[in-house]
Amino acid sequence: MSGATCPCGSGRKLETCCGTFHAGEIAPDAERLMRSRYSAYVLGLETYLLATWHPATRPAAIGLDATPRPHWLGLAV
């Protein structure tokens, strides 16, 4: 996925955008957290999504491996 454009719509490369949060950096604000979570849905990163979900409402699993898999169209902020 190296060199790929980030799915969040920022126009930046994934590894310098949401990829940093997926790798463990804490999102500094709500917008970047929302963008990183959207990107995680697109990329199928269930572990990241569950880790960034409030424990009071977090499900045991999200089911991103469902067939057919959802096709994400974009994020408007």
Protein backbone atom coordinates (compact mmCIF):
# COMPACT_ATOMS: atom_id res chain seq x y z
CA MET A 1 0.00 0.00 0.00
CA SER A 2 3.09 2.20 -0.02
CA GLY A 3 2.52 5.38 -1.99
CA ALA A 4 -1.27 4.97 -2.01
CA THR A 5 -3.44 8.03 -1.51
CA CYS A 6 -5.20 8.06 1.86
CA PRO A 7 -8.89 7.09 1.61
CA CYS A 8 -9.86 9.91 4.01
CA GLY A 9 -9.89 12.44 1.17
CA SER A 10 -7.02 14.63 2.40
CA GLY A 11 -5.07 14.09 -0.82
CA ARG A 12 -2.01 13.01 1.19
CA LYS A 13 -0.24 9.68 1.03
CA LEU A 14 -1.62 7.04 3.40
CA GLU A 15 1.69 6.55 5.21
CA THR A 16 1.92 10.26 6.11
CA CYS A 17 -1.78 10.69 6.84
CA CYS A 18 -4.10 8.18 8.53
CA GLY A 19 -1.51 5.43 8.27
CA THR A 20 0.39 7.06 11.14
CA PHE A 21 -2.65 6.64 13.38
CA HIS A 22 -3.24 3.08 12.20
CA ALA A 23 0.38 2.40 13.21
CA GLY A 24 -0.18 3.64 16.77
CA GLU A 25 0.11 7.43 16.85
CA ILE A 26 -2.79 9.05 18.72
CA ALA A 27 -5.07 11.22 16.57
CA PRO A 28 -4.70 14.80 17.86
CA ASP A 29 -8.30 15.88 17.28
CA ALA A 30 -11.78 14.59 16.51
CA GLU A 31 -11.59 15.27 12.77
CA ARG A 32 -8.40 13.28 12.30
CA LEU A 33 -9.79 10.45 14.43
CA MET A 34 -12.94 10.40 12.27
CA ARG A 35 -10.86 10.43 9.07
CA SER A 36 -8.60 7.65 10.36
CA ARG A 37 -11.61 5.53 11.32
CA TYR A 38 -13.18 6.04 7.88
CA SER A 39 -9.88 5.00 6.29
CA ALA A 40 -9.76 1.96 8.57
CA TYR A 41 -13.22 0.91 7.35
CA VAL A 42 -12.09 1.26 3.73
CA LEU A 43 -8.90 -0.71 4.42
CA GLY A 44 -10.59 -3.35 6.58
CA LEU A 45 -8.62 -2.55 9.75
CA GLU A 46 -11.01 -4.01 12.30
CA THR A 47 -8.40 -4.03 15.11
CA TYR A 48 -7.91 -0.25 14.79
CA LEU A 49 -11.64 0.40 14.67
CA LEU A 50 -12.28 -1.62 17.81
CA ALA A 51 -9.33 0.02 19.60
CA THR A 52 -10.74 3.48 18.88
CA TRP A 53 -14.33 2.61 19.84
CA HIS A 54 -15.61 3.57 23.29
CA PRO A 55 -15.72 0.44 25.47
CA ALA A 56 -19.30 1.12 26.59
CA THR A 57 -20.64 0.67 23.05
CA ARG A 58 -17.89 -1.37 21.36
CA PRO A 59 -19.06 -4.65 19.82
CA ALA A 60 -16.96 -7.81 20.04
CA ALA A 61 -16.50 -7.75 16.26
CA ILE A 62 -17.55 -5.52 13.38
CA GLY A 63 -17.85 -8.08 10.60
CA LEU A 64 -15.74 -6.37 7.96
CA ASP A 65 -15.22 -9.75 6.33
CA ALA A 66 -18.88 -9.92 5.32
CA THR A 67 -19.68 -10.90 1.76
CA PRO A 68 -20.27 -8.85 -0.21
CA ARG A 69 -17.95 -6.36 1.43
CA PRO A 70 -19.25 -2.78 1.66
CA HIS A 71 -17.97 -0.39 -1.00
CA TRP A 72 -17.12 2.97 0.58
CA LEU A 73 -17.68 5.94 -1.73
CA GLY A 74 -16.02 8.79 0.16
CA LEU A 75 -15.97 10.99 3.22
CA ALA A 76 -17.33 14.54 3.26
CA VAL A 77 -16.17 16.69 6.17
